[in-house]
Amino acid sequence: MIFYEAHKLSGFQAFWHLCYYFPNEKTEFYSNKVIGFKRGGQSEIEFWENWVAYDFLHSIFKTISFELVIRVLGHDELEAKDKRPLDVIGSRIAAVRDSVYKPDIIGKLRVNKKLSFINSKVERESELKDNYYMVDKSYKEFGGNVLIIDDIKTSGTSMLAIRELLTNEGFKGKVYGFSLAVTEKFDQGKNDDIEIPEK
């Protein structure tokens, strides 16, 4: 099962996610799994890697290929130098059709606050405004499809900031987005019909 949100992110061709994350219900199965992933738990990383392969890759790669895969940077990262759990997912997605996984083509000028601690969308956007920059200029006019990935999408501020950077740098391809989970604060039943994928 995969959730498709057609026009939830401005300038994105499409956006997909696997489940919902309930910030106030961290004992909920999938919310607990995504928190474990963010903390680097090996069993949780394997769980999400298997699920991405089972649902996302089988469903999406039948019709769309991504020539470039990149990820958002953590609040404390200026460049993607240290391996993070999301790198496992990005590498797995890119390996399917010999795409390029290059999280290091972008960087940030400054460490930002954790966006999950900022409730206002305006404040989130202000926190990342003009923060991302292009490290590898050879990709500035890249013309293929690019997939931007994140672990949890709340407002999509980080993905939008990267998409804006690519556009401003002259990127000519189509931009897609994917996250493991999307934050949901109200409807606690949205994960009820999800079936746990088999390995």
N, C-alpha and C. Protein backbone atom coordinates (compact mmCIF):
# COMPACT_ATOMS: atom_id res chain seq x y z
N MET A 1 0.84 -1.19 0.00
CA MET A 1 0.00 0.00 0.00
C MET A 1 0.88 1.24 0.00
N ILE A 2 0.53 2.20 -0.85
CA ILE A 2 1.26 3.45 -0.89
C ILE A 2 0.28 4.59 -1.08
N PHE A 3 0.51 5.68 -0.36
CA PHE A 3 -0.37 6.84 -0.46
C PHE A 3 0.19 7.82 -1.48
N TYR A 4 -0.70 8.32 -2.33
CA TYR A 4 -0.30 9.26 -3.38
C TYR A 4 -1.03 10.58 -3.16
N GLU A 5 -0.25 11.65 -3.08
CA GLU A 5 -0.83 12.98 -2.93
C GLU A 5 -0.40 13.80 -4.13
N ALA A 6 -1.33 14.09 -4.98
CA ALA A 6 -1.01 14.67 -6.29
C ALA A 6 -0.43 16.07 -6.21
N HIS A 7 -1.07 16.96 -5.49
CA HIS A 7 -0.67 18.37 -5.55
C HIS A 7 -0.47 18.96 -4.16
N LYS A 8 0.09 18.17 -3.25
CA LYS A 8 0.28 18.66 -1.88
C LYS A 8 1.56 19.49 -1.72
N LEU A 9 2.47 19.39 -2.68
CA LEU A 9 3.71 20.16 -2.63
C LEU A 9 3.84 20.98 -3.91
N SER A 10 3.91 22.28 -3.78
CA SER A 10 3.98 23.17 -4.94
C SER A 10 5.23 22.89 -5.77
N GLY A 11 5.03 22.73 -7.07
CA GLY A 11 6.15 22.51 -7.97
C GLY A 11 6.58 21.07 -8.09
N PHE A 12 5.95 20.18 -7.33
CA PHE A 12 6.26 18.75 -7.40
C PHE A 12 5.32 18.06 -8.37
N GLN A 13 5.86 17.16 -9.15
CA GLN A 13 5.04 16.39 -10.09
C GLN A 13 4.12 15.43 -9.34
N ALA A 14 4.64 14.86 -8.27
CA ALA A 14 3.87 13.94 -7.43
C ALA A 14 4.59 13.75 -6.11
N PHE A 15 3.85 13.29 -5.11
CA PHE A 15 4.43 12.99 -3.81
C PHE A 15 3.78 11.72 -3.27
N TRP A 16 4.61 10.82 -2.70
CA TRP A 16 4.11 9.56 -2.15
C TRP A 16 4.62 9.36 -0.73
N HIS A 17 3.87 8.59 0.04
CA HIS A 17 4.35 8.18 1.37
C HIS A 17 3.73 6.83 1.73
N LEU A 18 4.32 6.16 2.72
CA LEU A 18 3.90 4.81 3.06
C LEU A 18 2.89 4.74 4.19
N CYS A 19 2.94 5.69 5.12
CA CYS A 19 2.04 5.64 6.26
C CYS A 19 1.94 7.02 6.89
N TYR A 20 1.26 7.08 8.03
CA TYR A 20 1.11 8.33 8.78
C TYR A 20 1.84 8.23 10.12
N TYR A 21 2.37 9.37 10.54
CA TYR A 21 3.07 9.46 11.80
C TYR A 21 2.25 10.31 12.77
N PHE A 22 1.96 9.75 13.94
CA PHE A 22 1.18 10.45 14.95
C PHE A 22 2.13 10.95 16.05
N PRO A 23 2.46 12.23 16.07
CA PRO A 23 3.45 12.74 17.02
C PRO A 23 3.06 12.58 18.48
N ASN A 24 1.76 12.49 18.74
CA ASN A 24 1.30 12.35 20.12
C ASN A 24 1.00 10.90 20.50
N GLU A 25 1.27 9.98 19.57
CA GLU A 25 0.98 8.56 19.81
C GLU A 25 2.20 7.74 19.40
N LYS A 26 3.31 7.96 20.06
CA LYS A 26 4.56 7.32 19.64
C LYS A 26 4.60 5.81 19.91
N THR A 27 3.61 5.29 20.64
CA THR A 27 3.55 3.84 20.83
C THR A 27 2.80 3.16 19.70
N GLU A 28 2.13 3.96 18.86
CA GLU A 28 1.47 3.41 17.67
C GLU A 28 2.53 2.74 16.81
N PHE A 29 2.21 1.60 16.23
CA PHE A 29 3.21 0.75 15.58
C PHE A 29 4.09 1.49 14.58
N TYR A 30 3.48 2.14 13.59
CA TYR A 30 4.27 2.77 12.52
C TYR A 30 4.99 4.03 13.02
N SER A 31 4.35 4.77 13.90
CA SER A 31 5.00 5.94 14.47
C SER A 31 6.25 5.53 15.26
N ASN A 32 6.13 4.43 16.00
CA ASN A 32 7.25 3.91 16.76
C ASN A 32 8.38 3.45 15.82
N LYS A 33 7.99 2.83 14.71
CA LYS A 33 8.97 2.35 13.74
C LYS A 33 9.73 3.51 13.09
N VAL A 34 9.04 4.60 12.79
CA VAL A 34 9.72 5.70 12.13
C VAL A 34 10.64 6.45 13.11
N ILE A 35 10.26 6.52 14.38
CA ILE A 35 11.12 7.13 15.39
C ILE A 35 12.38 6.27 15.58
N GLY A 36 12.19 4.95 15.61
CA GLY A 36 13.34 4.05 15.71
C GLY A 36 14.27 4.19 14.53
N PHE A 37 13.70 4.39 13.34
CA PHE A 37 14.49 4.61 12.13
C PHE A 37 15.33 5.88 12.26
N LYS A 38 14.70 6.96 12.69
CA LYS A 38 15.41 8.23 12.83
C LYS A 38 16.56 8.13 13.83
N ARG A 39 16.39 7.26 14.82
CA ARG A 39 17.43 7.08 15.85
C ARG A 39 18.52 6.10 15.42
N GLY A 40 18.33 5.51 14.24
CA GLY A 40 19.36 4.61 13.72
C GLY A 40 19.24 3.17 14.14
N GLY A 41 18.06 2.76 14.61
CA GLY A 41 17.85 1.36 15.00
C GLY A 41 17.97 0.44 13.79
N GLN A 42 18.81 -0.58 13.88
CA GLN A 42 19.06 -1.44 12.72
C GLN A 42 17.81 -2.19 12.27
N SER A 43 17.03 -2.71 13.22
CA SER A 43 15.82 -3.45 12.84
C SER A 43 14.80 -2.53 12.18
N GLU A 44 14.72 -1.29 12.64
CA GLU A 44 13.80 -0.33 12.03
C GLU A 44 14.27 0.09 10.64
N ILE A 45 15.58 0.26 10.48
CA ILE A 45 16.11 0.59 9.15
C ILE A 45 15.80 -0.53 8.16
N GLU A 46 15.99 -1.77 8.59
CA GLU A 46 15.68 -2.92 7.73
C GLU A 46 14.20 -3.00 7.43
N PHE A 47 13.37 -2.70 8.42
CA PHE A 47 11.92 -2.71 8.23
C PHE A 47 11.52 -1.75 7.11
N TRP A 48 12.02 -0.50 7.18
CA TRP A 48 11.64 0.50 6.17
C TRP A 48 12.27 0.21 4.82
N GLU A 49 13.48 -0.29 4.82
CA GLU A 49 14.12 -0.65 3.55
C GLU A 49 13.31 -1.72 2.84
N ASN A 50 12.87 -2.73 3.58
CA ASN A 50 12.05 -3.79 3.00
C ASN A 50 10.72 -3.26 2.49
N TRP A 51 10.12 -2.35 3.26
CA TRP A 51 8.83 -1.82 2.87
C TRP A 51 8.96 -0.95 1.62
N VAL A 52 9.99 -0.13 1.55
CA VAL A 52 10.23 0.69 0.37
C VAL A 52 10.38 -0.21 -0.86
N ALA A 53 11.13 -1.29 -0.72
CA ALA A 53 11.32 -2.22 -1.84
C ALA A 53 10.01 -2.91 -2.21
N TYR A 54 9.24 -3.26 -1.20
CA TYR A 54 8.00 -4.02 -1.41
C TYR A 54 6.91 -3.18 -2.06
N ASP A 55 6.70 -1.97 -1.59
CA ASP A 55 5.58 -1.16 -2.06
C ASP A 55 6.00 -0.04 -3.01
N PHE A 56 6.90 0.81 -2.58
CA PHE A 56 7.25 1.99 -3.39
C PHE A 56 7.93 1.60 -4.70
N LEU A 57 8.96 0.79 -4.62
CA LEU A 57 9.71 0.46 -5.82
C LEU A 57 8.89 -0.37 -6.80
N HIS A 58 8.14 -1.33 -6.28
CA HIS A 58 7.32 -2.17 -7.17
C HIS A 58 6.20 -1.38 -7.84
N SER A 59 5.65 -0.41 -7.12
CA SER A 59 4.52 0.36 -7.65
C SER A 59 4.95 1.48 -8.58
N ILE A 60 5.92 2.27 -8.16
CA ILE A 60 6.27 3.49 -8.87
C ILE A 60 7.20 3.26 -10.04
N PHE A 61 8.16 2.36 -9.89
CA PHE A 61 9.16 2.19 -10.94
C PHE A 61 8.62 1.48 -12.17
N LYS A 62 7.37 1.04 -12.11
CA LYS A 62 6.76 0.48 -13.32
C LYS A 62 6.50 1.56 -14.36
N THR A 63 6.31 2.79 -13.90
CA THR A 63 5.94 3.88 -14.80
C THR A 63 6.90 5.06 -14.79
N ILE A 64 7.66 5.23 -13.72
CA ILE A 64 8.52 6.41 -13.58
C ILE A 64 9.93 5.98 -13.19
N SER A 65 10.91 6.58 -13.81
CA SER A 65 12.29 6.36 -13.38
C SER A 65 12.85 7.68 -12.86
N PHE A 66 13.73 7.58 -11.89
CA PHE A 66 14.36 8.77 -11.32
C PHE A 66 15.86 8.71 -11.63
N GLU A 67 16.32 9.70 -12.36
CA GLU A 67 17.74 9.71 -12.71
C GLU A 67 18.62 10.18 -11.55
N LEU A 68 18.01 10.95 -10.65
CA LEU A 68 18.75 11.49 -9.51
C LEU A 68 17.90 11.39 -8.26
N VAL A 69 18.50 10.90 -7.18
CA VAL A 69 17.83 10.81 -5.88
C VAL A 69 18.66 11.59 -4.86
N ILE A 70 18.01 12.50 -4.13
CA ILE A 70 18.69 13.24 -3.07
C ILE A 70 17.79 13.24 -1.83
N ARG A 71 18.37 13.58 -0.70
CA ARG A 71 17.58 13.62 0.53
C ARG A 71 17.69 14.99 1.19
N VAL A 72 16.73 15.28 2.04
CA VAL A 72 16.81 16.50 2.83
C VAL A 72 17.96 16.33 3.83
N LEU A 73 18.52 17.42 4.26
CA LEU A 73 19.57 17.38 5.27
C LEU A 73 18.96 17.54 6.66
N GLY A 74 19.52 16.85 7.62
CA GLY A 74 19.06 16.99 9.00
C GLY A 74 19.30 18.39 9.51
N HIS A 75 18.61 18.76 10.57
CA HIS A 75 18.73 20.13 11.06
C HIS A 75 20.16 20.49 11.45
N ASP A 76 20.94 19.46 11.84
CA ASP A 76 22.31 19.70 12.30
C ASP A 76 23.36 19.45 11.22
N GLU A 77 22.93 19.16 10.00
CA GLU A 77 23.87 18.90 8.91
C GLU A 77 24.08 20.14 8.05
N LEU A 78 25.31 20.38 7.68
CA LEU A 78 25.61 21.40 6.68
C LEU A 78 25.85 20.76 5.32
N GLU A 79 26.41 19.55 5.33
CA GLU A 79 26.56 18.75 4.12
C GLU A 79 26.34 17.29 4.48
N ALA A 80 26.03 16.48 3.49
CA ALA A 80 25.75 15.06 3.73
C ALA A 80 27.06 14.27 3.74
N LYS A 81 27.82 14.43 4.81
CA LYS A 81 29.11 13.75 4.92
C LYS A 81 29.02 12.47 5.72
N ASP A 82 28.21 12.45 6.74
CA ASP A 82 28.05 11.27 7.58
C ASP A 82 26.84 10.48 7.13
N LYS A 83 26.97 9.15 7.13
CA LYS A 83 25.86 8.31 6.68
C LYS A 83 24.72 8.36 7.69
N ARG A 84 23.52 8.61 7.18
CA ARG A 84 22.31 8.65 8.00
C ARG A 84 21.38 7.51 7.56
N PRO A 85 20.40 7.14 8.40
CA PRO A 85 19.46 6.08 8.01
C PRO A 85 18.80 6.33 6.66
N LEU A 86 18.51 7.59 6.36
CA LEU A 86 17.85 7.90 5.08
C LEU A 86 18.74 7.58 3.88
N ASP A 87 20.05 7.51 4.10
CA ASP A 87 20.95 7.15 3.01
C ASP A 87 20.73 5.70 2.56
N VAL A 88 20.35 4.84 3.49
CA VAL A 88 20.05 3.45 3.14
C VAL A 88 18.87 3.40 2.18
N ILE A 89 17.84 4.20 2.47
CA ILE A 89 16.66 4.25 1.62
C ILE A 89 17.00 4.85 0.26
N GLY A 90 17.73 5.96 0.26
CA GLY A 90 18.10 6.61 -0.99
C GLY A 90 18.92 5.71 -1.89
N SER A 91 19.87 5.00 -1.30
CA SER A 91 20.72 4.10 -2.07
C SER A 91 19.92 2.94 -2.65
N ARG A 92 18.97 2.44 -1.86
CA ARG A 92 18.14 1.32 -2.33
C ARG A 92 17.26 1.75 -3.50
N ILE A 93 16.68 2.93 -3.41
CA ILE A 93 15.84 3.43 -4.50
C ILE A 93 16.67 3.63 -5.76
N ALA A 94 17.83 4.24 -5.61
CA ALA A 94 18.67 4.55 -6.78
C ALA A 94 19.19 3.30 -7.45
N ALA A 95 19.40 2.23 -6.69
CA ALA A 95 20.00 1.01 -7.24
C ALA A 95 19.07 0.26 -8.18
N VAL A 96 17.78 0.54 -8.12
CA VAL A 96 16.81 -0.23 -8.91
C VAL A 96 17.04 -0.06 -10.40
N ARG A 97 17.28 1.18 -10.83
CA ARG A 97 17.48 1.41 -12.26
C ARG A 97 18.77 2.19 -12.52
N ASP A 98 19.76 1.90 -11.73
CA ASP A 98 21.06 2.56 -11.90
C ASP A 98 20.93 4.08 -11.89
N SER A 99 20.08 4.58 -11.00
CA SER A 99 19.98 6.02 -10.81
C SER A 99 21.19 6.48 -10.00
N VAL A 100 21.33 7.78 -9.86
CA VAL A 100 22.42 8.35 -9.08
C VAL A 100 21.85 8.84 -7.75
N TYR A 101 22.41 8.34 -6.65
CA TYR A 101 22.05 8.86 -5.33
C TYR A 101 23.15 9.81 -4.90
N LYS A 102 22.83 11.11 -4.82
CA LYS A 102 23.84 12.13 -4.57
C LYS A 102 23.34 13.14 -3.53
N PRO A 103 23.27 12.75 -2.26
CA PRO A 103 22.81 13.71 -1.25
C PRO A 103 23.79 14.85 -1.04
N ASP A 104 25.03 14.66 -1.51
CA ASP A 104 26.05 15.68 -1.27
C ASP A 104 26.11 16.77 -2.33
N ILE A 105 25.15 16.80 -3.26
CA ILE A 105 25.17 17.89 -4.24
C ILE A 105 24.60 19.18 -3.65
N ILE A 106 23.94 19.06 -2.49
CA ILE A 106 23.40 20.25 -1.83
C ILE A 106 24.02 20.41 -0.44
N GLY A 107 23.98 21.62 0.07
CA GLY A 107 24.47 21.89 1.41
C GLY A 107 23.65 23.00 2.04
N LYS A 108 23.95 23.27 3.31
CA LYS A 108 23.28 24.37 4.01
C LYS A 108 24.32 25.34 4.54
N LEU A 109 23.95 26.59 4.59
CA LEU A 109 24.85 27.63 5.08
C LEU A 109 24.93 27.66 6.60
N ARG A 110 23.87 27.18 7.24
CA ARG A 110 23.82 27.24 8.70
C ARG A 110 22.96 26.09 9.24
N VAL A 111 23.27 25.68 10.44
CA VAL A 111 22.43 24.70 11.14
C VAL A 111 21.10 25.37 11.46
N ASN A 112 20.01 24.64 11.27
CA ASN A 112 18.69 25.21 11.57
C ASN A 112 18.04 24.52 12.76
N LYS A 113 17.04 25.17 13.32
CA LYS A 113 16.28 24.57 14.40
C LYS A 113 15.56 23.33 13.87
N LYS A 114 15.24 22.41 14.78
CA LYS A 114 14.42 21.27 14.38
C LYS A 114 13.05 21.77 13.96
N LEU A 115 12.66 21.47 12.72
CA LEU A 115 11.39 21.99 12.22
C LEU A 115 10.21 21.37 12.97
N SER A 116 10.41 20.19 13.53
CA SER A 116 9.31 19.54 14.28
C SER A 116 8.97 20.32 15.55
N PHE A 117 9.85 21.20 15.98
CA PHE A 117 9.59 22.02 17.16
C PHE A 117 8.97 23.37 16.81
N ILE A 118 8.77 23.62 15.51
CA ILE A 118 8.21 24.89 15.06
C ILE A 118 6.81 24.63 14.50
N ASN A 119 5.80 25.20 15.12
CA ASN A 119 4.42 24.93 14.70
C ASN A 119 3.97 25.76 13.50
N SER A 120 4.46 26.97 13.39
CA SER A 120 4.03 27.87 12.33
C SER A 120 4.71 27.55 11.00
N LYS A 121 3.92 27.42 9.95
CA LYS A 121 4.47 27.18 8.62
C LYS A 121 5.35 28.34 8.18
N VAL A 122 4.93 29.57 8.51
CA VAL A 122 5.71 30.76 8.14
C VAL A 122 7.07 30.72 8.82
N GLU A 123 7.11 30.33 10.08
CA GLU A 123 8.37 30.25 10.81
C GLU A 123 9.27 29.15 10.26
N ARG A 124 8.65 28.04 9.86
CA ARG A 124 9.43 26.95 9.26
C ARG A 124 10.10 27.43 7.97
N GLU A 125 9.31 28.11 7.14
CA GLU A 125 9.85 28.61 5.86
C GLU A 125 10.95 29.63 6.10
N SER A 126 10.76 30.49 7.10
CA SER A 126 11.76 31.49 7.43
C SER A 126 13.05 30.84 7.91
N GLU A 127 12.93 29.74 8.65
CA GLU A 127 14.10 29.04 9.18
C GLU A 127 14.99 28.49 8.07
N LEU A 128 14.39 28.10 6.94
CA LEU A 128 15.17 27.52 5.84
C LEU A 128 15.38 28.48 4.68
N LYS A 129 14.85 29.66 4.76
CA LYS A 129 14.95 30.61 3.64
C LYS A 129 16.41 30.89 3.30
N ASP A 130 16.75 30.68 2.03
CA ASP A 130 18.10 30.94 1.51
C ASP A 130 19.18 30.16 2.26
N ASN A 131 18.81 29.04 2.86
CA ASN A 131 19.78 28.26 3.61
C ASN A 131 20.46 27.20 2.74
N TYR A 132 19.70 26.54 1.88
CA TYR A 132 20.27 25.53 1.00
C TYR A 132 21.05 26.17 -0.15
N TYR A 133 22.14 25.53 -0.53
CA TYR A 133 22.90 26.00 -1.69
C TYR A 133 23.42 24.78 -2.46
N MET A 134 23.86 25.00 -3.69
CA MET A 134 24.33 23.94 -4.57
C MET A 134 25.82 23.72 -4.34
N VAL A 135 26.18 22.54 -3.87
CA VAL A 135 27.59 22.21 -3.66
C VAL A 135 28.23 21.78 -4.98
N ASP A 136 27.55 20.89 -5.68
CA ASP A 136 28.06 20.36 -6.96
C ASP A 136 27.35 21.07 -8.11
N LYS A 137 28.02 22.04 -8.67
CA LYS A 137 27.42 22.86 -9.72
C LYS A 137 27.19 22.10 -11.02
N SER A 138 27.79 20.93 -11.16
CA SER A 138 27.60 20.16 -12.39
C SER A 138 26.16 19.67 -12.55
N TYR A 139 25.39 19.71 -11.45
CA TYR A 139 23.99 19.27 -11.50
C TYR A 139 23.01 20.44 -11.61
N LYS A 140 23.50 21.65 -11.73
CA LYS A 140 22.60 22.81 -11.65
C LYS A 140 21.60 22.87 -12.80
N GLU A 141 21.95 22.34 -13.97
CA GLU A 141 21.01 22.34 -15.10
C GLU A 141 20.61 20.92 -15.47
N PHE A 142 20.59 20.05 -14.48
CA PHE A 142 20.24 18.65 -14.69
C PHE A 142 18.84 18.54 -15.30
N GLY A 143 18.69 17.67 -16.28
CA GLY A 143 17.42 17.60 -17.00
C GLY A 143 16.58 16.37 -16.74
N GLY A 144 17.05 15.45 -15.88
CA GLY A 144 16.30 14.23 -15.62
C GLY A 144 15.33 14.37 -14.46
N ASN A 145 14.58 13.30 -14.20
CA ASN A 145 13.67 13.29 -13.05
C ASN A 145 14.47 13.18 -11.76
N VAL A 146 14.11 13.97 -10.77
CA VAL A 146 14.77 13.90 -9.47
C VAL A 146 13.74 13.55 -8.39
N LEU A 147 14.15 12.69 -7.48
CA LEU A 147 13.31 12.31 -6.34
C LEU A 147 13.96 12.85 -5.07
N ILE A 148 13.21 13.66 -4.33
CA ILE A 148 13.67 14.18 -3.05
C ILE A 148 13.01 13.36 -1.95
N ILE A 149 13.80 12.80 -1.04
CA ILE A 149 13.24 11.93 -0.01
C ILE A 149 13.44 12.51 1.38
N ASP A 150 12.53 12.14 2.28
CA ASP A 150 12.60 12.55 3.68
C ASP A 150 12.03 11.40 4.51
N ASP A 151 12.28 11.40 5.80
CA ASP A 151 11.70 10.35 6.64
C ASP A 151 10.27 10.70 7.05
N ILE A 152 10.07 11.90 7.59
CA ILE A 152 8.73 12.35 7.97
C ILE A 152 8.45 13.70 7.31
N LYS A 153 7.36 13.78 6.58
CA LYS A 153 6.93 15.06 6.00
C LYS A 153 5.83 15.63 6.88
N THR A 154 6.02 16.86 7.34
CA THR A 154 4.97 17.55 8.08
C THR A 154 4.35 18.61 7.18
N SER A 155 5.05 19.68 6.97
CA SER A 155 4.56 20.71 6.03
C SER A 155 5.27 20.62 4.68
N GLY A 156 6.36 19.84 4.63
CA GLY A 156 7.12 19.73 3.39
C GLY A 156 8.09 20.88 3.17
N THR A 157 8.36 21.66 4.22
CA THR A 157 9.20 22.84 4.09
C THR A 157 10.59 22.52 3.55
N SER A 158 11.20 21.45 4.05
CA SER A 158 12.56 21.10 3.60
C SER A 158 12.57 20.69 2.13
N MET A 159 11.60 19.87 1.74
CA MET A 159 11.52 19.46 0.34
C MET A 159 11.29 20.66 -0.57
N LEU A 160 10.42 21.55 -0.15
CA LEU A 160 10.12 22.74 -0.95
C LEU A 160 11.35 23.64 -1.08
N ALA A 161 12.13 23.74 0.00
CA ALA A 161 13.34 24.56 -0.04
C ALA A 161 14.34 24.00 -1.03
N ILE A 162 14.46 22.68 -1.09
CA ILE A 162 15.39 22.06 -2.04
C ILE A 162 14.87 22.22 -3.46
N ARG A 163 13.58 22.03 -3.64
CA ARG A 163 13.00 22.21 -4.97
C ARG A 163 13.20 23.64 -5.46
N GLU A 164 13.04 24.61 -4.59
CA GLU A 164 13.25 26.01 -4.96
C GLU A 164 14.71 26.26 -5.35
N LEU A 165 15.63 25.66 -4.61
CA LEU A 165 17.04 25.78 -4.94
C LEU A 165 17.32 25.23 -6.34
N LEU A 166 16.82 24.02 -6.61
CA LEU A 166 17.06 23.40 -7.91
C LEU A 166 16.51 24.28 -9.04
N THR A 167 15.32 24.80 -8.84
CA THR A 167 14.71 25.67 -9.85
C THR A 167 15.53 26.93 -10.07
N ASN A 168 15.97 27.54 -8.99
CA ASN A 168 16.75 28.77 -9.10
C ASN A 168 18.10 28.55 -9.76
N GLU A 169 18.61 27.32 -9.63
CA GLU A 169 19.92 27.00 -10.21
C GLU A 169 19.81 26.60 -11.69
N GLY A 170 18.58 26.51 -12.19
CA GLY A 170 18.39 26.19 -13.60
C GLY A 170 18.02 24.76 -13.90
N PHE A 171 17.66 24.01 -12.84
CA PHE A 171 17.26 22.61 -13.03
C PHE A 171 16.09 22.50 -14.00
N LYS A 172 16.18 21.56 -14.94
CA LYS A 172 15.18 21.47 -16.00
C LYS A 172 14.30 20.22 -15.92
N GLY A 173 14.57 19.34 -14.98
CA GLY A 173 13.80 18.11 -14.90
C GLY A 173 12.55 18.23 -14.05
N LYS A 174 11.84 17.12 -13.91
CA LYS A 174 10.65 17.07 -13.07
C LYS A 174 11.05 16.63 -11.66
N VAL A 175 10.36 17.21 -10.67
CA VAL A 175 10.69 16.94 -9.27
C VAL A 175 9.57 16.12 -8.62
N TYR A 176 9.96 15.05 -7.95
CA TYR A 176 9.02 14.18 -7.23
C TYR A 176 9.45 14.11 -5.77
N GLY A 177 8.53 13.75 -4.90
CA GLY A 177 8.84 13.64 -3.49
C GLY A 177 8.36 12.33 -2.89
N PHE A 178 9.09 11.85 -1.89
CA PHE A 178 8.72 10.62 -1.20
C PHE A 178 9.17 10.70 0.26
N SER A 179 8.30 10.28 1.16
CA SER A 179 8.69 10.17 2.57
C SER A 179 8.14 8.86 3.13
N LEU A 180 8.76 8.40 4.19
CA LEU A 180 8.26 7.20 4.84
C LEU A 180 6.90 7.46 5.45
N ALA A 181 6.75 8.63 6.07
CA ALA A 181 5.51 8.94 6.78
C ALA A 181 5.15 10.41 6.63
N VAL A 182 3.88 10.69 6.83
CA VAL A 182 3.37 12.06 6.83
C VAL A 182 2.73 12.30 8.20
N THR A 183 3.04 13.43 8.79
CA THR A 183 2.49 13.75 10.11
C THR A 183 0.98 13.94 10.05
N GLU A 184 0.29 13.30 10.97
CA GLU A 184 -1.16 13.41 11.11
C GLU A 184 -1.49 13.61 12.58
N LYS A 185 -2.11 14.73 12.92
CA LYS A 185 -2.36 15.06 14.32
C LYS A 185 -3.78 14.73 14.79
N PHE A 186 -4.67 14.43 13.85
CA PHE A 186 -6.07 14.33 14.24
C PHE A 186 -6.68 12.95 14.01
N ASP A 187 -6.60 12.42 12.82
CA ASP A 187 -7.25 11.16 12.50
C ASP A 187 -6.34 9.99 12.85
N GLN A 188 -6.54 9.42 14.02
CA GLN A 188 -5.69 8.34 14.51
C GLN A 188 -5.95 7.00 13.83
N GLY A 189 -6.93 6.97 12.94
CA GLY A 189 -7.26 5.69 12.28
C GLY A 189 -6.69 5.53 10.89
N LYS A 190 -5.89 6.47 10.47
CA LYS A 190 -5.42 6.44 9.08
C LYS A 190 -4.48 5.29 8.74
N ASN A 191 -3.86 4.70 9.75
CA ASN A 191 -2.97 3.56 9.50
C ASN A 191 -3.66 2.22 9.67
N ASP A 192 -4.93 2.24 10.01
CA ASP A 192 -5.62 1.00 10.38
C ASP A 192 -5.65 -0.05 9.28
N ASP A 193 -5.72 0.38 8.01
CA ASP A 193 -5.87 -0.58 6.92
C ASP A 193 -4.55 -0.98 6.28
N ILE A 194 -3.44 -0.49 6.83
CA ILE A 194 -2.14 -0.82 6.26
C ILE A 194 -1.75 -2.24 6.66
N GLU A 195 -1.26 -2.99 5.69
CA GLU A 195 -0.78 -4.34 5.97
C GLU A 195 0.75 -4.30 6.04
N ILE A 196 1.30 -4.92 7.07
CA ILE A 196 2.75 -4.95 7.21
C ILE A 196 3.32 -5.80 6.09
N PRO A 197 4.24 -5.24 5.30
CA PRO A 197 4.80 -6.02 4.18
C PRO A 197 5.66 -7.18 4.66
N GLU A 198 5.60 -8.25 3.91
CA GLU A 198 6.46 -9.40 4.22
C GLU A 198 7.83 -9.17 3.60
N LYS A 199 8.84 -9.74 4.24
CA LYS A 199 10.20 -9.59 3.70
C LYS A 199 10.33 -10.41 2.43
